Amino acid sequence: MPSLISNQLEQIYRGTSMPEDERRQPFVLLLGERSRPAQAFVIFEGRAMAAPSLLKAIDLCFKMIYVFDVEYAPQCYTTWEFVQKYVFEISDNVKGKMGTSHLSVA
């Protein structure tokens, strides 16, 4: 399985014009059909962490972005901002300053 994920990552990276050091991390990778993904992963620093569902992958990805104080990628800024404000109820002026006390580990 690791080689399949590595191959998927290479295809994703090859399909972008961004230099490797400018790629936003972490991100969610889904394998399977678009309407029914078979597997979900969070990719961080080139490593894949399996998640039991898409929802758990999004949850883990957001928490990693928050804990490591990573800027939201411009392409999905509004989505992550929505998750921050309305799912986790974290205000704008809190991101990156509160540590991990507001995030529960699920």
PDB file of N, CA and C in Angstrom:
ATOM      1  N   MET A   1       0.806  -1.202   0.000  1.00  0.00           N
ATOM      2  CA  MET A   1       0.000   0.000   0.000  1.00  0.00           C
ATOM      3  C   MET A   1       0.853   1.273   0.000  1.00  0.00           C
ATOM      4  N   PRO A   2       1.968   1.351   0.745  1.00  0.00           N
ATOM      5  CA  PRO A   2       2.753   2.576   0.730  1.00  0.00           C
ATOM      6  C   PRO A   2       3.215   2.973  -0.669  1.00  0.00           C
ATOM      7  N   SER A   3       3.553   1.980  -1.516  1.00  0.00           N
ATOM      8  CA  SER A   3       4.015   2.329  -2.858  1.00  0.00           C
ATOM      9  C   SER A   3       2.886   2.921  -3.690  1.00  0.00           C
ATOM     10  N   LEU A   4       1.649   2.452  -3.484  1.00  0.00           N
ATOM     11  CA  LEU A   4       0.502   3.009  -4.195  1.00  0.00           C
ATOM     12  C   LEU A   4       0.305   4.467  -3.808  1.00  0.00           C
ATOM     13  N   ILE A   5       0.411   4.765  -2.532  1.00  0.00           N
ATOM     14  CA  ILE A   5       0.250   6.145  -2.075  1.00  0.00           C
ATOM     15  C   ILE A   5       1.390   7.005  -2.592  1.00  0.00           C
ATOM     16  N   SER A   6       2.614   6.492  -2.547  1.00  0.00           N
ATOM     17  CA  SER A   6       3.753   7.240  -3.072  1.00  0.00           C
ATOM     18  C   SER A   6       3.553   7.547  -4.545  1.00  0.00           C
ATOM     19  N   ASN A   7       3.045   6.568  -5.293  1.00  0.00           N
ATOM     20  CA  ASN A   7       2.782   6.768  -6.710  1.00  0.00           C
ATOM     21  C   ASN A   7       1.719   7.846  -6.908  1.00  0.00           C
ATOM     22  N   GLN A   8       0.663   7.819  -6.101  1.00  0.00           N
ATOM     23  CA  GLN A   8      -0.385   8.837  -6.183  1.00  0.00           C
ATOM     24  C   GLN A   8       0.194  10.222  -5.883  1.00  0.00           C
ATOM     25  N   LEU A   9       1.052  10.318  -4.869  1.00  0.00           N
ATOM     26  CA  LEU A   9       1.661  11.602  -4.526  1.00  0.00           C
ATOM     27  C   LEU A   9       2.513  12.124  -5.666  1.00  0.00           C
ATOM     28  N   GLU A  10       3.290  11.240  -6.289  1.00  0.00           N
ATOM     29  CA  GLU A  10       4.116  11.661  -7.416  1.00  0.00           C
ATOM     30  C   GLU A  10       3.251  12.201  -8.544  1.00  0.00           C
ATOM     31  N   GLN A  11       2.123  11.548  -8.811  1.00  0.00           N
ATOM     32  CA  GLN A  11       1.221  12.022  -9.858  1.00  0.00           C
ATOM     33  C   GLN A  11       0.620  13.373  -9.490  1.00  0.00           C
ATOM     34  N   ILE A  12       0.255  13.549  -8.233  1.00  0.00           N
ATOM     35  CA  ILE A  12      -0.301  14.829  -7.789  1.00  0.00           C
ATOM     36  C   ILE A  12       0.747  15.921  -7.931  1.00  0.00           C
ATOM     37  N   TYR A  13       1.953  15.662  -7.446  1.00  0.00           N
ATOM     38  CA  TYR A  13       3.004  16.663  -7.504  1.00  0.00           C
ATOM     39  C   TYR A  13       3.400  16.979  -8.942  1.00  0.00           C
ATOM     40  N   ARG A  14       3.431  15.963  -9.780  1.00  0.00           N
ATOM     41  CA  ARG A  14       3.814  16.153 -11.167  1.00  0.00           C
ATOM     42  C   ARG A  14       2.775  17.006 -11.891  1.00  0.00           C
ATOM     43  N   GLY A  15       1.522  16.930 -11.454  1.00  0.00           N
ATOM     44  CA  GLY A  15       0.439  17.648 -12.104  1.00  0.00           C
ATOM     45  C   GLY A  15       0.322  19.105 -11.701  1.00  0.00           C
ATOM     46  N   THR A  16       1.234  19.599 -10.894  1.00  0.00           N
ATOM     47  CA  THR A  16       1.171  20.991 -10.459  1.00  0.00           C
ATOM     48  C   THR A  16       2.411  21.739 -10.917  1.00  0.00           C
ATOM     49  N   SER A  17       2.255  23.020 -11.137  1.00  0.00           N
ATOM     50  CA  SER A  17       3.397  23.827 -11.560  1.00  0.00           C
ATOM     51  C   SER A  17       4.117  24.458 -10.375  1.00  0.00           C
ATOM     52  N   MET A  18       3.626  24.207  -9.165  1.00  0.00           N
ATOM     53  CA  MET A  18       4.266  24.786  -7.985  1.00  0.00           C
ATOM     54  C   MET A  18       5.552  24.041  -7.653  1.00  0.00           C
ATOM     55  N   PRO A  19       6.606  24.784  -7.324  1.00  0.00           N
ATOM     56  CA  PRO A  19       7.818  24.118  -6.851  1.00  0.00           C
ATOM     57  C   PRO A  19       7.523  23.326  -5.585  1.00  0.00           C
ATOM     58  N   GLU A  20       8.305  22.280  -5.345  1.00  0.00           N
ATOM     59  CA  GLU A  20       8.042  21.387  -4.214  1.00  0.00           C
ATOM     60  C   GLU A  20       8.007  22.122  -2.883  1.00  0.00           C
ATOM     61  N   ASP A  21       8.866  23.120  -2.699  1.00  0.00           N
ATOM     62  CA  ASP A  21       8.907  23.817  -1.414  1.00  0.00           C
ATOM     63  C   ASP A  21       7.720  24.764  -1.207  1.00  0.00           C
ATOM     64  N   GLU A  22       6.901  25.004  -2.248  1.00  0.00           N
ATOM     65  CA  GLU A  22       5.744  25.882  -2.115  1.00  0.00           C
ATOM     66  C   GLU A  22       4.436  25.121  -1.970  1.00  0.00           C
ATOM     67  N   ARG A  23       4.482  23.811  -1.977  1.00  0.00           N
ATOM     68  CA  ARG A  23       3.255  23.030  -1.840  1.00  0.00           C
ATOM     69  C   ARG A  23       2.736  23.147  -0.421  1.00  0.00           C
ATOM     70  N   ARG A  24       1.428  23.386  -0.309  1.00  0.00           N
ATOM     71  CA  ARG A  24       0.816  23.542   1.011  1.00  0.00           C
ATOM     72  C   ARG A  24       0.679  22.186   1.680  1.00  0.00           C
ATOM     73  N   GLN A  25       0.993  22.136   2.943  1.00  0.00           N
ATOM     74  CA  GLN A  25       0.886  20.911   3.723  1.00  0.00           C
ATOM     75  C   GLN A  25       0.114  21.234   4.977  1.00  0.00           C
ATOM     76  N   PRO A  26      -0.581  20.372   5.547  1.00  0.00           N
ATOM     77  CA  PRO A  26      -0.980  19.056   5.063  1.00  0.00           C
ATOM     78  C   PRO A  26      -2.174  19.156   4.114  1.00  0.00           C
ATOM     79  N   PHE A  27      -2.515  18.034   3.478  1.00  0.00           N
ATOM     80  CA  PHE A  27      -3.687  18.003   2.616  1.00  0.00           C
ATOM     81  C   PHE A  27      -4.319  16.619   2.650  1.00  0.00           C
ATOM     82  N   VAL A  28      -5.571  16.546   2.208  1.00  0.00           N
ATOM     83  CA  VAL A  28      -6.328  15.295   2.197  1.00  0.00           C
ATOM     84  C   VAL A  28      -6.169  14.641   0.832  1.00  0.00           C
ATOM     85  N   LEU A  29      -5.899  13.340   0.832  1.00  0.00           N
ATOM     86  CA  LEU A  29      -5.804  12.546  -0.393  1.00  0.00           C
ATOM     87  C   LEU A  29      -6.845  11.443  -0.315  1.00  0.00           C
ATOM     88  N   LEU A  30      -7.684  11.352  -1.340  1.00  0.00           N
ATOM     89  CA  LEU A  30      -8.705  10.310  -1.403  1.00  0.00           C
ATOM     90  C   LEU A  30      -8.383   9.367  -2.538  1.00  0.00           C
ATOM     91  N   LEU A  31      -8.546   8.076  -2.299  1.00  0.00           N
ATOM     92  CA  LEU A  31      -8.354   7.060  -3.327  1.00  0.00           C
ATOM     93  C   LEU A  31      -9.690   6.382  -3.593  1.00  0.00           C
ATOM     94  N   GLY A  32      -9.971   6.128  -4.849  1.00  0.00           N
ATOM     95  CA  GLY A  32     -11.230   5.488  -5.218  1.00  0.00           C
ATOM     96  C   GLY A  32     -12.023   6.385  -6.145  1.00  0.00           C
ATOM     97  N   GLU A  33     -13.299   6.085  -6.273  1.00  0.00           N
ATOM     98  CA  GLU A  33     -14.168   6.875  -7.132  1.00  0.00           C
ATOM     99  C   GLU A  33     -14.436   8.238  -6.506  1.00  0.00           C
ATOM    100  N   ARG A  34     -14.630   9.221  -7.353  1.00  0.00           N
ATOM    101  CA  ARG A  34     -14.863  10.585  -6.874  1.00  0.00           C
ATOM    102  C   ARG A  34     -16.089  10.664  -5.958  1.00  0.00           C
ATOM    103  N   SER A  35     -17.160   9.994  -6.332  1.00  0.00           N
ATOM    104  CA  SER A  35     -18.383  10.067  -5.536  1.00  0.00           C
ATOM    105  C   SER A  35     -18.392   9.109  -4.346  1.00  0.00           C
ATOM    106  N   ARG A  36     -17.458   8.170  -4.349  1.00  0.00           N
ATOM    107  CA  ARG A  36     -17.415   7.187  -3.262  1.00  0.00           C
ATOM    108  C   ARG A  36     -15.957   6.777  -3.007  1.00  0.00           C
ATOM    109  N   PRO A  37     -15.185   7.623  -2.333  1.00  0.00           N
ATOM    110  CA  PRO A  37     -13.780   7.283  -2.089  1.00  0.00           C
ATOM    111  C   PRO A  37     -13.645   6.029  -1.227  1.00  0.00           C
ATOM    112  N   ALA A  38     -12.687   5.186  -1.597  1.00  0.00           N
ATOM    113  CA  ALA A  38     -12.463   3.940  -0.860  1.00  0.00           C
ATOM    114  C   ALA A  38     -11.576   4.162   0.361  1.00  0.00           C
ATOM    115  N   GLN A  39     -10.632   5.100   0.245  1.00  0.00           N
ATOM    116  CA  GLN A  39      -9.698   5.357   1.346  1.00  0.00           C
ATOM    117  C   GLN A  39      -9.432   6.849   1.457  1.00  0.00           C
ATOM    118  N   ALA A  40      -9.140   7.289   2.669  1.00  0.00           N
ATOM    119  CA  ALA A  40      -8.816   8.687   2.928  1.00  0.00           C
ATOM    120  C   ALA A  40      -7.500   8.757   3.691  1.00  0.00           C
ATOM    121  N   PHE A  41      -6.665   9.716   3.318  1.00  0.00           N
ATOM    122  CA  PHE A  41      -5.371   9.917   3.963  1.00  0.00           C
ATOM    123  C   PHE A  41      -5.145  11.403   4.174  1.00  0.00           C
ATOM    124  N   VAL A  42      -4.327  11.729   5.154  1.00  0.00           N
ATOM    125  CA  VAL A  42      -3.810  13.080   5.311  1.00  0.00           C
ATOM    126  C   VAL A  42      -2.327  12.985   5.004  1.00  0.00           C
ATOM    127  N   ILE A  43      -1.870  13.819   4.081  1.00  0.00           N
ATOM    128  CA  ILE A  43      -0.471  13.822   3.679  1.00  0.00           C
ATOM    129  C   ILE A  43       0.214  14.989   4.372  1.00  0.00           C
ATOM    130  N   PHE A  44       1.300  14.692   5.056  1.00  0.00           N
ATOM    131  CA  PHE A  44       2.075  15.725   5.741  1.00  0.00           C
ATOM    132  C   PHE A  44       3.540  15.354   5.664  1.00  0.00           C
ATOM    133  N   GLU A  45       4.340  16.275   5.161  1.00  0.00           N
ATOM    134  CA  GLU A  45       5.773  16.044   5.000  1.00  0.00           C
ATOM    135  C   GLU A  45       6.049  14.766   4.208  1.00  0.00           C
ATOM    136  N   GLY A  46       5.229  14.504   3.194  1.00  0.00           N
ATOM    137  CA  GLY A  46       5.433  13.340   2.342  1.00  0.00           C
ATOM    138  C   GLY A  46       5.012  12.018   2.956  1.00  0.00           C
ATOM    139  N   ARG A  47       4.432  12.050   4.130  1.00  0.00           N
ATOM    140  CA  ARG A  47       3.976  10.817   4.790  1.00  0.00           C
ATOM    141  C   ARG A  47       2.455  10.776   4.785  1.00  0.00           C
ATOM    142  N   ALA A  48       1.929   9.578   4.582  1.00  0.00           N
ATOM    143  CA  ALA A  48       0.481   9.392   4.543  1.00  0.00           C
ATOM    144  C   ALA A  48      -0.016   8.813   5.856  1.00  0.00           C
ATOM    145  N   MET A  49      -1.032   9.457   6.413  1.00  0.00           N
ATOM    146  CA  MET A  49      -1.678   8.953   7.624  1.00  0.00           C
ATOM    147  C   MET A  49      -3.097   8.553   7.256  1.00  0.00           C
ATOM    148  N   ALA A  50      -3.406   7.286   7.421  1.00  0.00           N
ATOM    149  CA  ALA A  50      -4.731   6.782   7.057  1.00  0.00           C
ATOM    150  C   ALA A  50      -5.788   7.335   8.008  1.00  0.00           C
ATOM    151  N   ALA A  51      -6.941   7.616   7.445  1.00  0.00           N
ATOM    152  CA  ALA A  51      -8.094   8.056   8.233  1.00  0.00           C
ATOM    153  C   ALA A  51      -9.260   7.127   7.906  1.00  0.00           C
ATOM    154  N   PRO A  52     -10.103   6.830   8.884  1.00  0.00           N
ATOM    155  CA  PRO A  52     -11.199   5.885   8.644  1.00  0.00           C
ATOM    156  C   PRO A  52     -12.299   6.420   7.726  1.00  0.00           C
ATOM    157  N   SER A  53     -12.347   7.747   7.532  1.00  0.00           N
ATOM    158  CA  SER A  53     -13.383   8.331   6.683  1.00  0.00           C
ATOM    159  C   SER A  53     -12.920   9.695   6.176  1.00  0.00           C
ATOM    160  N   LEU A  54     -13.638  10.217   5.199  1.00  0.00           N
ATOM    161  CA  LEU A  54     -13.343  11.552   4.692  1.00  0.00           C
ATOM    162  C   LEU A  54     -13.498  12.588   5.799  1.00  0.00           C
ATOM    163  N   LEU A  55     -14.541  12.467   6.586  1.00  0.00           N
ATOM    164  CA  LEU A  55     -14.772  13.413   7.675  1.00  0.00           C
ATOM    165  C   LEU A  55     -13.620  13.415   8.674  1.00  0.00           C
ATOM    166  N   LYS A  56     -13.129  12.245   9.045  1.00  0.00           N
ATOM    167  CA  LYS A  56     -11.994  12.155   9.975  1.00  0.00           C
ATOM    168  C   LYS A  56     -10.727  12.721   9.334  1.00  0.00           C
ATOM    169  N   ALA A  57     -10.556  12.522   8.021  1.00  0.00           N
ATOM    170  CA  ALA A  57      -9.387  13.064   7.326  1.00  0.00           C
ATOM    171  C   ALA A  57      -9.418  14.590   7.344  1.00  0.00           C
ATOM    172  N   ILE A  58     -10.580  15.170   7.089  1.00  0.00           N
ATOM    173  CA  ILE A  58     -10.715  16.627   7.131  1.00  0.00           C
ATOM    174  C   ILE A  58     -10.460  17.136   8.546  1.00  0.00           C
ATOM    175  N   ASP A  59     -10.996  16.451   9.536  1.00  0.00           N
ATOM    176  CA  ASP A  59     -10.791  16.809  10.940  1.00  0.00           C
ATOM    177  C   ASP A  59      -9.303  16.791  11.289  1.00  0.00           C
ATOM    178  N   LEU A  60      -8.625  15.713  10.941  1.00  0.00           N
ATOM    179  CA  LEU A  60      -7.195  15.591  11.230  1.00  0.00           C
ATOM    180  C   LEU A  60      -6.387  16.639  10.477  1.00  0.00           C
ATOM    181  N   CYS A  61      -6.727  16.864   9.221  1.00  0.00           N
ATOM    182  CA  CYS A  61      -6.005  17.846   8.415  1.00  0.00           C
ATOM    183  C   CYS A  61      -6.130  19.242   9.022  1.00  0.00           C
ATOM    184  N   PHE A  62      -7.343  19.633   9.397  1.00  0.00           N
ATOM    185  CA  PHE A  62      -7.524  20.949  10.007  1.00  0.00           C
ATOM    186  C   PHE A  62      -6.720  21.075  11.296  1.00  0.00           C
ATOM    187  N   LYS A  63      -6.775  20.053  12.128  1.00  0.00           N
ATOM    188  CA  LYS A  63      -6.045  20.097  13.393  1.00  0.00           C
ATOM    189  C   LYS A  63      -4.546  20.210  13.172  1.00  0.00           C
ATOM    190  N   MET A  64      -4.034  19.544  12.145  1.00  0.00           N
ATOM    191  CA  MET A  64      -2.602  19.650  11.846  1.00  0.00           C
ATOM    192  C   MET A  64      -2.263  21.052  11.348  1.00  0.00           C
ATOM    193  N   ILE A  65      -3.111  21.605  10.491  1.00  0.00           N
ATOM    194  CA  ILE A  65      -2.903  22.974  10.014  1.00  0.00           C
ATOM    195  C   ILE A  65      -2.881  23.933  11.199  1.00  0.00           C
ATOM    196  N   TYR A  66      -3.799  23.757  12.110  1.00  0.00           N
ATOM    197  CA  TYR A  66      -3.918  24.647  13.265  1.00  0.00           C
ATOM    198  C   TYR A  66      -2.725  24.505  14.211  1.00  0.00           C
ATOM    199  N   VAL A  67      -2.405  23.274  14.570  1.00  0.00           N
ATOM    200  CA  VAL A  67      -1.329  23.036  15.534  1.00  0.00           C
ATOM    201  C   VAL A  67       0.021  23.495  14.993  1.00  0.00           C
ATOM    202  N   PHE A  68       0.283  23.236  13.700  1.00  0.00           N
ATOM    203  CA  PHE A  68       1.567  23.618  13.116  1.00  0.00           C
ATOM    204  C   PHE A  68       1.542  25.035  12.551  1.00  0.00           C
ATOM    205  N   ASP A  69       0.425  25.751  12.751  1.00  0.00           N
ATOM    206  CA  ASP A  69       0.278  27.150  12.340  1.00  0.00           C
ATOM    207  C   ASP A  69       0.615  27.352  10.863  1.00  0.00           C
ATOM    208  N   VAL A  70       0.066  26.473  10.026  1.00  0.00           N
ATOM    209  CA  VAL A  70       0.270  26.548   8.580  1.00  0.00           C
ATOM    210  C   VAL A  70      -0.782  27.486   7.999  1.00  0.00           C
ATOM    211  N   GLU A  71      -0.367  28.354   7.076  1.00  0.00           N
ATOM    212  CA  GLU A  71      -1.334  29.233   6.420  1.00  0.00           C
ATOM    213  C   GLU A  71      -2.239  28.410   5.525  1.00  0.00           C
ATOM    214  N   TYR A  72      -3.489  28.808   5.445  1.00  0.00           N
ATOM    215  CA  TYR A  72      -4.421  28.120   4.558  1.00  0.00           C
ATOM    216  C   TYR A  72      -4.009  28.362   3.105  1.00  0.00           C
ATOM    217  N   ALA A  73      -4.093  27.311   2.293  1.00  0.00           N
ATOM    218  CA  ALA A  73      -3.813  27.446   0.865  1.00  0.00           C
ATOM    219  C   ALA A  73      -4.856  28.379   0.255  1.00  0.00           C
ATOM    220  N   PRO A  74      -4.453  29.261  -0.651  1.00  0.00           N
ATOM    221  CA  PRO A  74      -5.413  30.200  -1.251  1.00  0.00           C
ATOM    222  C   PRO A  74      -6.610  29.504  -1.905  1.00  0.00           C
ATOM    223  N   GLN A  75      -6.386  28.329  -2.492  1.00  0.00           N
ATOM    224  CA  GLN A  75      -7.451  27.619  -3.195  1.00  0.00           C
ATOM    225  C   GLN A  75      -8.558  27.149  -2.252  1.00  0.00           C
ATOM    226  N   CYS A  76      -8.237  26.916  -0.997  1.00  0.00           N
ATOM    227  CA  CYS A  76      -9.256  26.399  -0.069  1.00  0.00           C
ATOM    228  C   CYS A  76      -9.351  27.252   1.197  1.00  0.00           C
ATOM    229  N   TYR A  77      -8.923  28.498   1.098  1.00  0.00           N
ATOM    230  CA  TYR A  77      -8.937  29.386   2.257  1.00  0.00           C
ATOM    231  C   TYR A  77     -10.331  29.507   2.868  1.00  0.00           C
ATOM    232  N   THR A  78     -11.340  29.764   2.026  1.00  0.00           N
ATOM    233  CA  THR A  78     -12.687  29.974   2.566  1.00  0.00           C
ATOM    234  C   THR A  78     -13.245  28.709   3.218  1.00  0.00           C
ATOM    235  N   THR A  79     -12.889  27.556   2.678  1.00  0.00           N
ATOM    236  CA  THR A  79     -13.353  26.296   3.269  1.00  0.00           C
ATOM    237  C   THR A  79     -12.757  26.102   4.653  1.00  0.00           C
ATOM    238  N   TRP A  80     -11.416  26.277   4.770  1.00  0.00           N
ATOM    239  CA  TRP A  80     -10.775  26.109   6.075  1.00  0.00           C
ATOM    240  C   TRP A  80     -11.241  27.179   7.054  1.00  0.00           C
ATOM    241  N   GLU A  81     -11.479  28.396   6.553  1.00  0.00           N
ATOM    242  CA  GLU A  81     -11.974  29.457   7.427  1.00  0.00           C
ATOM    243  C   GLU A  81     -13.365  29.102   7.970  1.00  0.00           C
ATOM    244  N   PHE A  82     -14.209  28.512   7.119  1.00  0.00           N
ATOM    245  CA  PHE A  82     -15.527  28.061   7.559  1.00  0.00           C
ATOM    246  C   PHE A  82     -15.392  26.987   8.642  1.00  0.00           C
ATOM    247  N   VAL A  83     -14.524  26.010   8.404  1.00  0.00           N
ATOM    248  CA  VAL A  83     -14.305  24.941   9.389  1.00  0.00           C
ATOM    249  C   VAL A  83     -13.821  25.540  10.703  1.00  0.00           C
ATOM    250  N   GLN A  84     -12.885  26.480  10.616  1.00  0.00           N
ATOM    251  CA  GLN A  84     -12.343  27.120  11.818  1.00  0.00           C
ATOM    252  C   GLN A  84     -13.432  27.840  12.610  1.00  0.00           C
ATOM    253  N   LYS A  85     -14.233  28.660  11.914  1.00  0.00           N
ATOM    254  CA  LYS A  85     -15.210  29.505  12.606  1.00  0.00           C
ATOM    255  C   LYS A  85     -16.462  28.764  13.054  1.00  0.00           C
ATOM    256  N   TYR A  86     -16.984  27.894  12.179  1.00  0.00           N
ATOM    257  CA  TYR A  86     -18.308  27.332  12.450  1.00  0.00           C
ATOM    258  C   TYR A  86     -18.304  25.888  12.938  1.00  0.00           C
ATOM    259  N   VAL A  87     -17.258  25.147  12.647  1.00  0.00           N
ATOM    260  CA  VAL A  87     -17.179  23.775  13.150  1.00  0.00           C
ATOM    261  C   VAL A  87     -16.461  23.759  14.496  1.00  0.00           C
ATOM    262  N   PHE A  88     -15.275  24.391  14.534  1.00  0.00           N
ATOM    263  CA  PHE A  88     -14.494  24.401  15.776  1.00  0.00           C
ATOM    264  C   PHE A  88     -14.740  25.647  16.629  1.00  0.00           C
ATOM    265  N   GLU A  89     -15.481  26.614  16.084  1.00  0.00           N
ATOM    266  CA  GLU A  89     -15.805  27.848  16.797  1.00  0.00           C
ATOM    267  C   GLU A  89     -14.562  28.562  17.318  1.00  0.00           C
ATOM    268  N   ILE A  90     -13.595  28.725  16.426  1.00  0.00           N
ATOM    269  CA  ILE A  90     -12.351  29.431  16.746  1.00  0.00           C
ATOM    270  C   ILE A  90     -12.386  30.755  15.991  1.00  0.00           C
ATOM    271  N   SER A  91     -12.257  31.878  16.702  1.00  0.00           N
ATOM    272  CA  SER A  91     -12.312  33.187  16.051  1.00  0.00           C
ATOM    273  C   SER A  91     -11.022  33.473  15.295  1.00  0.00           C
ATOM    274  N   ASP A  92     -11.080  34.470  14.407  1.00  0.00           N
ATOM    275  CA  ASP A  92      -9.927  34.835  13.575  1.00  0.00           C
ATOM    276  C   ASP A  92      -8.694  35.174  14.392  1.00  0.00           C
ATOM    277  N   ASN A  93      -8.878  35.922  15.469  1.00  0.00           N
ATOM    278  CA  ASN A  93      -7.727  36.393  16.231  1.00  0.00           C
ATOM    279  C   ASN A  93      -7.130  35.327  17.141  1.00  0.00           C
ATOM    280  N   VAL A  94      -7.661  34.114  17.097  1.00  0.00           N
ATOM    281  CA  VAL A  94      -7.172  33.052  17.973  1.00  0.00           C
ATOM    282  C   VAL A  94      -6.217  32.120  17.249  1.00  0.00           C
ATOM    283  N   LYS A  95      -6.376  31.946  15.937  1.00  0.00           N
ATOM    284  CA  LYS A  95      -5.588  30.957  15.203  1.00  0.00           C
ATOM    285  C   LYS A  95      -4.099  31.132  15.466  1.00  0.00           C
ATOM    286  N   GLY A  96      -3.466  30.053  15.862  1.00  0.00           N
ATOM    287  CA  GLY A  96      -2.034  30.050  16.070  1.00  0.00           C
ATOM    288  C   GLY A  96      -1.582  30.606  17.407  1.00  0.00           C
ATOM    289  N   LYS A  97      -2.515  31.093  18.238  1.00  0.00           N
ATOM    290  CA  LYS A  97      -2.114  31.719  19.491  1.00  0.00           C
ATOM    291  C   LYS A  97      -2.570  30.960  20.729  1.00  0.00           C
ATOM    292  N   MET A  98      -3.496  30.033  20.556  1.00  0.00           N
ATOM    293  CA  MET A  98      -4.067  29.347  21.709  1.00  0.00           C
ATOM    294  C   MET A  98      -3.443  27.990  21.991  1.00  0.00           C
ATOM    295  N   GLY A  99      -2.576  27.517  21.130  1.00  0.00           N
ATOM    296  CA  GLY A  99      -2.049  26.178  21.325  1.00  0.00           C
ATOM    297  C   GLY A  99      -3.090  25.145  20.946  1.00  0.00           C
ATOM    298  N   THR A 100      -3.051  24.005  21.594  1.00  0.00           N
ATOM    299  CA  THR A 100      -3.943  22.914  21.211  1.00  0.00           C
ATOM    300  C   THR A 100      -5.090  22.704  22.184  1.00  0.00           C
ATOM    301  N   SER A 101      -5.258  23.567  23.157  1.00  0.00           N
ATOM    302  CA  SER A 101      -6.261  23.332  24.192  1.00  0.00           C
ATOM    303  C   SER A 101      -7.695  23.339  23.670  1.00  0.00           C
ATOM    304  N   HIS A 102      -7.964  23.976  22.532  1.00  0.00           N
ATOM    305  CA  HIS A 102      -9.317  24.052  21.992  1.00  0.00           C
ATOM    306  C   HIS A 102      -9.650  22.900  21.053  1.00  0.00           C
ATOM    307  N   LEU A 103      -8.702  22.057  20.745  1.00  0.00           N
ATOM    308  CA  LEU A 103      -8.928  20.968  19.802  1.00  0.00           C
ATOM    309  C   LEU A 103      -8.985  19.647  20.540  1.00  0.00           C
ATOM    310  N   SER A 104     -10.082  18.953  20.395  1.00  0.00           N
ATOM    311  CA  SER A 104     -10.177  17.639  21.031  1.00  0.00           C
ATOM    312  C   SER A 104      -9.672  16.579  20.073  1.00  0.00           C
ATOM    313  N   VAL A 105      -9.041  15.583  20.602  1.00  0.00           N
ATOM    314  CA  VAL A 105      -8.537  14.485  19.792  1.00  0.00           C
ATOM    315  C   VAL A 105      -9.639  13.455  19.681  1.00  0.00           C
ATOM    316  N   ALA A 106     -10.043  13.194  18.452  1.00  0.00           N
ATOM    317  CA  ALA A 106     -11.138  12.234  18.240  1.00  0.00           C
ATOM    318  C   ALA A 106     -10.611  10.922  17.720  1.00  0.00           C
TER     319      ALA A 106
END
